[in-house]
N, C-alpha and C. Protein backbone atom coordinates (compact mmCIF):
# COMPACT_ATOMS: atom_id res chain seq x y z
N MET A 1 67.05 -9.19 -18.21
CA MET A 1 66.56 -10.48 -17.77
C MET A 1 67.71 -11.45 -17.51
N GLN A 2 68.73 -11.41 -18.35
CA GLN A 2 69.88 -12.31 -18.20
C GLN A 2 70.61 -12.04 -16.89
N ASP A 3 70.67 -10.77 -16.46
CA ASP A 3 71.34 -10.42 -15.21
C ASP A 3 70.70 -11.12 -14.02
N THR A 4 69.39 -11.29 -14.06
CA THR A 4 68.68 -11.97 -12.98
C THR A 4 69.14 -13.41 -12.88
N PHE A 5 69.29 -14.09 -13.98
CA PHE A 5 69.69 -15.49 -13.97
C PHE A 5 71.16 -15.67 -13.61
N ASP A 6 71.98 -14.66 -13.87
CA ASP A 6 73.40 -14.75 -13.52
C ASP A 6 73.62 -14.86 -12.01
N PHE A 7 72.68 -14.34 -11.23
CA PHE A 7 72.85 -14.33 -9.78
C PHE A 7 72.13 -15.48 -9.08
N LEU A 8 71.61 -16.43 -9.83
CA LEU A 8 71.05 -17.63 -9.20
C LEU A 8 72.18 -18.48 -8.62
N ALA A 9 71.89 -19.21 -7.55
CA ALA A 9 72.93 -19.95 -6.82
C ALA A 9 73.70 -20.92 -7.72
N GLU A 10 73.00 -21.64 -8.58
CA GLU A 10 73.71 -22.62 -9.42
C GLU A 10 74.64 -21.95 -10.43
N ASN A 11 74.35 -20.70 -10.80
CA ASN A 11 75.21 -19.97 -11.73
C ASN A 11 76.40 -19.32 -11.02
N ARG A 12 76.28 -19.13 -9.71
CA ARG A 12 77.37 -18.52 -8.94
C ARG A 12 78.35 -19.56 -8.39
N LYS A 13 78.01 -20.82 -8.51
CA LYS A 13 78.86 -21.87 -7.95
C LYS A 13 80.24 -21.87 -8.61
N LEU A 14 81.26 -21.98 -7.76
CA LEU A 14 82.64 -21.97 -8.26
C LEU A 14 83.08 -23.35 -8.70
N SER A 15 83.94 -23.40 -9.68
CA SER A 15 84.53 -24.67 -10.09
C SER A 15 85.48 -25.14 -8.98
N PRO A 16 85.81 -26.43 -8.93
CA PRO A 16 86.72 -26.92 -7.89
C PRO A 16 88.07 -26.19 -7.89
N GLN A 17 88.59 -25.87 -9.07
CA GLN A 17 89.87 -25.16 -9.13
C GLN A 17 89.74 -23.74 -8.58
N SER A 18 88.65 -23.07 -8.93
CA SER A 18 88.42 -21.71 -8.45
C SER A 18 88.20 -21.71 -6.94
N ARG A 19 87.50 -22.72 -6.44
CA ARG A 19 87.22 -22.80 -5.01
C ARG A 19 88.52 -22.95 -4.21
N VAL A 20 89.42 -23.80 -4.69
CA VAL A 20 90.71 -23.98 -4.00
C VAL A 20 91.47 -22.66 -3.98
N LYS A 21 91.46 -21.95 -5.10
CA LYS A 21 92.14 -20.66 -5.19
C LYS A 21 91.51 -19.65 -4.22
N VAL A 22 90.19 -19.60 -4.18
CA VAL A 22 89.48 -18.68 -3.29
C VAL A 22 89.76 -19.03 -1.83
N GLU A 23 89.76 -20.31 -1.48
CA GLU A 23 90.04 -20.72 -0.10
C GLU A 23 91.43 -20.28 0.32
N LYS A 24 92.39 -20.42 -0.58
CA LYS A 24 93.76 -20.00 -0.26
C LYS A 24 93.81 -18.49 -0.03
N GLN A 25 93.15 -17.73 -0.90
CA GLN A 25 93.14 -16.28 -0.75
C GLN A 25 92.45 -15.86 0.55
N LEU A 26 91.36 -16.54 0.89
CA LEU A 26 90.65 -16.21 2.13
C LEU A 26 91.50 -16.53 3.35
N SER A 27 92.25 -17.63 3.30
CA SER A 27 93.10 -17.98 4.43
C SER A 27 94.23 -16.97 4.61
N LEU A 28 94.58 -16.27 3.52
CA LEU A 28 95.62 -15.24 3.60
C LEU A 28 95.05 -13.89 4.02
N GLY A 29 93.72 -13.79 4.14
CA GLY A 29 93.09 -12.57 4.62
C GLY A 29 92.77 -11.56 3.53
N CYS A 30 92.57 -12.00 2.32
CA CYS A 30 92.24 -11.09 1.23
C CYS A 30 90.86 -10.46 1.45
N ASP A 31 90.67 -9.28 0.90
CA ASP A 31 89.43 -8.53 1.03
C ASP A 31 88.32 -9.19 0.19
N LEU A 32 87.15 -9.38 0.81
CA LEU A 32 86.05 -10.05 0.12
C LEU A 32 85.55 -9.25 -1.08
N LYS A 33 85.46 -7.94 -0.92
CA LYS A 33 84.96 -7.10 -2.01
C LYS A 33 85.89 -7.15 -3.22
N LEU A 34 87.18 -7.06 -2.97
CA LEU A 34 88.14 -7.11 -4.07
C LEU A 34 88.12 -8.47 -4.77
N MET A 35 87.99 -9.54 -3.97
CA MET A 35 87.92 -10.88 -4.56
C MET A 35 86.67 -11.03 -5.42
N SER A 36 85.55 -10.52 -4.92
CA SER A 36 84.30 -10.59 -5.67
C SER A 36 84.40 -9.82 -6.98
N GLU A 37 85.01 -8.63 -6.94
CA GLU A 37 85.18 -7.84 -8.16
C GLU A 37 86.10 -8.54 -9.16
N GLU A 38 87.16 -9.16 -8.66
CA GLU A 38 88.10 -9.86 -9.53
C GLU A 38 87.43 -11.06 -10.21
N LEU A 39 86.64 -11.82 -9.45
CA LEU A 39 85.93 -12.95 -10.04
C LEU A 39 84.90 -12.48 -11.06
N SER A 40 84.28 -11.32 -10.81
CA SER A 40 83.30 -10.77 -11.75
C SER A 40 83.97 -10.37 -13.06
N LYS A 41 85.19 -9.85 -12.97
CA LYS A 41 85.93 -9.49 -14.19
C LYS A 41 86.22 -10.72 -15.04
N ASN A 42 86.40 -11.87 -14.37
CA ASN A 42 86.68 -13.11 -15.08
C ASN A 42 85.41 -13.80 -15.55
N GLY A 43 84.26 -13.15 -15.38
CA GLY A 43 83.02 -13.69 -15.91
C GLY A 43 82.20 -14.50 -14.92
N LYS A 44 82.61 -14.57 -13.67
CA LYS A 44 81.87 -15.33 -12.67
C LYS A 44 81.21 -14.38 -11.69
N LYS A 45 79.90 -14.42 -11.60
CA LYS A 45 79.17 -13.55 -10.68
C LYS A 45 79.18 -14.21 -9.30
N VAL A 46 79.96 -13.65 -8.38
CA VAL A 46 80.06 -14.18 -7.02
C VAL A 46 79.80 -13.04 -6.06
N LEU A 47 78.90 -13.25 -5.12
CA LEU A 47 78.57 -12.24 -4.13
C LEU A 47 79.55 -12.28 -2.97
N LYS A 48 79.66 -11.15 -2.27
CA LYS A 48 80.50 -11.12 -1.07
C LYS A 48 79.98 -12.13 -0.05
N LYS A 49 78.69 -12.31 0.00
CA LYS A 49 78.09 -13.26 0.94
C LYS A 49 78.54 -14.69 0.63
N ASP A 50 78.69 -15.03 -0.65
CA ASP A 50 79.19 -16.35 -1.02
C ASP A 50 80.59 -16.56 -0.48
N LEU A 51 81.44 -15.55 -0.63
CA LEU A 51 82.81 -15.64 -0.14
C LEU A 51 82.84 -15.70 1.38
N SER A 52 81.94 -14.96 2.01
CA SER A 52 81.85 -14.99 3.47
C SER A 52 81.44 -16.38 3.97
N ASN A 53 80.53 -17.02 3.25
CA ASN A 53 80.11 -18.37 3.62
C ASN A 53 81.26 -19.37 3.48
N ILE A 54 82.04 -19.24 2.43
CA ILE A 54 83.21 -20.11 2.25
C ILE A 54 84.20 -19.89 3.38
N LYS A 55 84.41 -18.62 3.74
CA LYS A 55 85.33 -18.29 4.82
C LYS A 55 84.87 -18.89 6.14
N SER A 56 83.57 -18.84 6.40
CA SER A 56 83.05 -19.38 7.65
C SER A 56 83.20 -20.91 7.71
N THR A 57 83.09 -21.58 6.56
CA THR A 57 83.29 -23.03 6.57
C THR A 57 84.76 -23.36 6.84
N LEU A 58 85.66 -22.51 6.37
CA LEU A 58 87.08 -22.73 6.63
C LEU A 58 87.39 -22.59 8.11
N THR A 59 86.84 -21.56 8.75
CA THR A 59 87.12 -21.35 10.17
C THR A 59 86.42 -22.39 11.03
N THR A 60 85.26 -22.86 10.61
CA THR A 60 84.54 -23.89 11.36
C THR A 60 85.31 -25.21 11.33
N GLN A 61 85.89 -25.55 10.20
CA GLN A 61 86.68 -26.78 10.10
C GLN A 61 87.87 -26.72 11.03
N GLY A 62 88.51 -25.58 11.15
CA GLY A 62 89.65 -25.42 12.04
C GLY A 62 89.26 -25.52 13.50
N ASP A 63 88.06 -25.05 13.86
CA ASP A 63 87.61 -25.10 15.24
C ASP A 63 87.46 -26.54 15.73
N ASN A 64 86.95 -27.42 14.89
CA ASN A 64 86.77 -28.80 15.30
C ASN A 64 88.11 -29.48 15.58
N ALA A 65 89.08 -29.26 14.73
CA ALA A 65 90.40 -29.84 14.94
C ALA A 65 91.02 -29.26 16.21
N SER A 66 90.82 -28.00 16.45
CA SER A 66 91.36 -27.34 17.63
C SER A 66 90.75 -27.94 18.89
N LEU A 67 89.47 -28.22 18.88
CA LEU A 67 88.81 -28.81 20.03
C LEU A 67 89.37 -30.20 20.32
N GLU A 68 89.63 -30.96 19.28
CA GLU A 68 90.21 -32.29 19.47
C GLU A 68 91.63 -32.20 20.04
N ASP A 69 92.39 -31.21 19.59
CA ASP A 69 93.74 -31.01 20.12
C ASP A 69 93.71 -30.66 21.60
N ILE A 70 92.77 -29.80 21.99
CA ILE A 70 92.64 -29.43 23.40
C ILE A 70 92.25 -30.63 24.24
N GLU A 71 91.33 -31.43 23.71
CA GLU A 71 90.90 -32.63 24.43
C GLU A 71 92.08 -33.58 24.63
N LYS A 72 92.86 -33.78 23.60
CA LYS A 72 94.03 -34.67 23.68
C LYS A 72 95.04 -34.15 24.70
N LEU A 73 95.28 -32.84 24.68
CA LEU A 73 96.21 -32.23 25.62
C LEU A 73 95.74 -32.43 27.06
N LEU A 74 94.47 -32.20 27.32
CA LEU A 74 93.95 -32.35 28.67
C LEU A 74 94.02 -33.79 29.14
N ARG A 75 93.75 -34.74 28.27
CA ARG A 75 93.77 -36.15 28.65
C ARG A 75 95.20 -36.65 28.90
N GLU A 76 96.10 -36.34 27.96
CA GLU A 76 97.44 -36.92 28.02
C GLU A 76 98.38 -36.19 28.96
N LYS A 77 98.43 -34.88 28.86
CA LYS A 77 99.40 -34.14 29.66
C LYS A 77 98.95 -33.94 31.09
N TYR A 78 97.67 -33.63 31.28
CA TYR A 78 97.18 -33.30 32.61
C TYR A 78 96.34 -34.41 33.24
N SER A 79 96.16 -35.52 32.54
CA SER A 79 95.39 -36.67 33.03
C SER A 79 94.00 -36.27 33.51
N ASN A 80 93.36 -35.39 32.77
CA ASN A 80 92.02 -34.95 33.13
C ASN A 80 90.98 -35.77 32.40
N TYR A 81 89.81 -35.87 33.02
CA TYR A 81 88.66 -36.48 32.38
C TYR A 81 87.99 -35.39 31.54
N VAL A 82 87.73 -35.68 30.28
CA VAL A 82 87.15 -34.69 29.38
C VAL A 82 85.83 -35.20 28.84
N CYS A 83 84.82 -34.38 28.94
CA CYS A 83 83.51 -34.69 28.37
C CYS A 83 83.05 -33.47 27.58
N ILE A 84 82.89 -33.64 26.29
CA ILE A 84 82.48 -32.54 25.42
C ILE A 84 81.00 -32.72 25.11
N ILE A 85 80.25 -31.68 25.39
CA ILE A 85 78.80 -31.72 25.18
C ILE A 85 78.43 -30.71 24.11
N PHE A 86 77.76 -31.16 23.10
CA PHE A 86 77.23 -30.26 22.05
C PHE A 86 75.75 -30.06 22.31
N VAL A 87 75.35 -28.83 22.37
CA VAL A 87 73.95 -28.51 22.62
C VAL A 87 73.34 -28.01 21.32
N LEU A 88 72.29 -28.68 20.91
CA LEU A 88 71.58 -28.28 19.70
C LEU A 88 70.29 -27.60 20.13
N SER A 89 70.03 -26.48 19.55
CA SER A 89 68.80 -25.75 19.87
C SER A 89 67.79 -26.02 18.76
N LEU A 90 66.69 -26.58 19.14
CA LEU A 90 65.63 -26.86 18.17
C LEU A 90 64.47 -25.90 18.44
N LYS A 91 64.17 -25.10 17.46
CA LYS A 91 63.06 -24.16 17.60
C LYS A 91 61.92 -24.65 16.73
N GLY A 92 60.76 -24.70 17.31
CA GLY A 92 59.66 -25.20 16.51
C GLY A 92 58.34 -24.72 16.88
């Protein structure tokens, strides 16, 4: 019964210090399975999916900055007019 509760989201949440460490390891390209096993040895139940979600937030943050850099380059160096359109898909 205790094993079931160990895998609830609030019990899998990383501390701020652990999260910084995990983000650094993910940015270096560490294997998700090995990281998950290592965290489990230290007493923290973390799924590979949790690590994958953290990794995707890291890459998404970089994409936004990259888009701004491209916009700045097009405006300043090439004197182009830039219009960025975000399309949201609403399914209902």
